[in-house]
Amino acid sequence: MGHAYRILGNRPNALDAYLKGLKLNENINNITGIVNANLAIGIIYKDLDNNKLAIEYFLKAKEIDEQIHHKNAFVYLNLGD
């Protein structure tokens, strides 16, 4: 849902959907889902020109990604690493 809202330009609803998705993934301990949700939330904050929060969520995604030794390319692309 979050992606659909983002494509339609509805950033507030996209953010809400991604935050709900993050909570759901945390509840079931879906690590890949948690990384992806943090990335998506970071992208929304970036779209909203809130770079501080965008970086915060990108760094959360990076930290978790490194813990599982996954190396999700999107984590590093968004951080510029």
Protein backbone atom coordinates (compact mmCIF):
# COMPACT_ATOMS: atom_id res chain seq x y z
CA MET A 1 0.00 0.00 0.00
CA GLY A 2 2.78 2.41 0.89
CA HIS A 3 4.34 2.16 -2.55
CA ALA A 4 0.99 2.77 -4.25
CA TYR A 5 0.38 5.87 -2.15
CA ARG A 6 3.88 7.13 -2.91
CA ILE A 7 3.40 6.65 -6.66
CA LEU A 8 0.13 8.59 -6.38
CA GLY A 9 1.99 11.39 -4.59
CA ASN A 10 0.23 10.84 -1.27
CA ARG A 11 3.28 10.89 1.00
CA PRO A 12 1.38 11.10 4.33
CA ASN A 13 -0.62 7.94 3.61
CA ALA A 14 2.49 6.22 2.24
CA LEU A 15 4.37 7.04 5.43
CA ASP A 16 1.50 5.74 7.56
CA ALA A 17 1.37 2.48 5.58
CA TYR A 18 5.13 1.97 5.81
CA LEU A 19 5.14 2.67 9.56
CA LYS A 20 2.36 0.11 10.05
CA GLY A 21 4.32 -2.35 7.91
CA LEU A 22 7.40 -1.76 10.04
CA LYS A 23 5.45 -2.57 13.21
CA LEU A 24 4.03 -5.74 11.66
CA ASN A 25 7.48 -6.89 10.55
CA GLU A 26 8.88 -6.16 13.99
CA ASN A 27 6.07 -8.16 15.62
CA ILE A 28 6.90 -11.26 13.57
CA ASN A 29 10.66 -10.62 13.59
CA ASN A 30 10.87 -10.46 9.80
CA ILE A 31 14.35 -8.96 9.52
CA THR A 32 14.28 -8.44 5.75
CA GLY A 33 10.89 -6.75 6.07
CA ILE A 34 12.24 -4.51 8.83
CA VAL A 35 15.18 -3.44 6.66
CA ASN A 36 12.90 -2.78 3.68
CA ALA A 37 10.37 -0.86 5.77
CA ASN A 38 13.09 1.35 7.25
CA LEU A 39 14.38 2.05 3.75
CA ALA A 40 10.91 2.91 2.48
CA ILE A 41 10.26 5.23 5.43
CA GLY A 42 13.62 6.89 4.82
CA ILE A 43 12.70 7.45 1.18
CA ILE A 44 9.41 9.08 2.15
CA TYR A 45 11.18 11.40 4.57
CA LYS A 46 13.69 12.19 1.83
CA ASP A 47 10.79 12.99 -0.52
CA LEU A 48 9.43 15.31 2.18
CA ASP A 49 12.85 17.05 2.45
CA ASN A 50 13.27 15.82 6.02
CA ASN A 51 16.85 14.66 5.58
CA LYS A 52 17.46 14.20 9.30
CA LEU A 53 14.73 11.58 9.65
CA ALA A 54 15.58 10.07 6.26
CA ILE A 55 19.16 9.45 7.35
CA GLU A 56 17.96 8.10 10.70
CA TYR A 57 15.85 5.43 8.99
CA PHE A 58 18.53 4.66 6.38
CA LEU A 59 21.05 4.15 9.19
CA LYS A 60 18.64 1.84 11.03
CA ALA A 61 18.29 -0.21 7.86
CA LYS A 62 22.07 -0.29 7.41
CA GLU A 63 22.70 -1.37 11.00
CA ILE A 64 20.24 -4.26 10.79
CA ASP A 65 21.44 -5.21 7.31
CA GLU A 66 25.03 -5.41 8.52
CA GLN A 67 24.02 -7.52 11.53
CA ILE A 68 22.58 -10.15 9.21
CA HIS A 69 25.43 -9.80 6.69
CA HIS A 70 22.97 -9.19 3.88
CA LYS A 71 24.42 -6.11 2.14
CA ASN A 72 21.19 -4.79 0.63
CA ALA A 73 22.38 -2.50 -2.18
CA PHE A 74 19.51 -0.07 -1.65
CA VAL A 75 20.73 0.63 1.89
CA TYR A 76 24.07 1.84 0.56
CA LEU A 77 22.63 3.67 -2.44
CA ASN A 78 20.40 5.78 -0.20
CA LEU A 79 23.25 6.60 2.16
CA GLY A 80 25.75 7.23 -0.60
CA ASP A 81 28.19 4.63 0.82
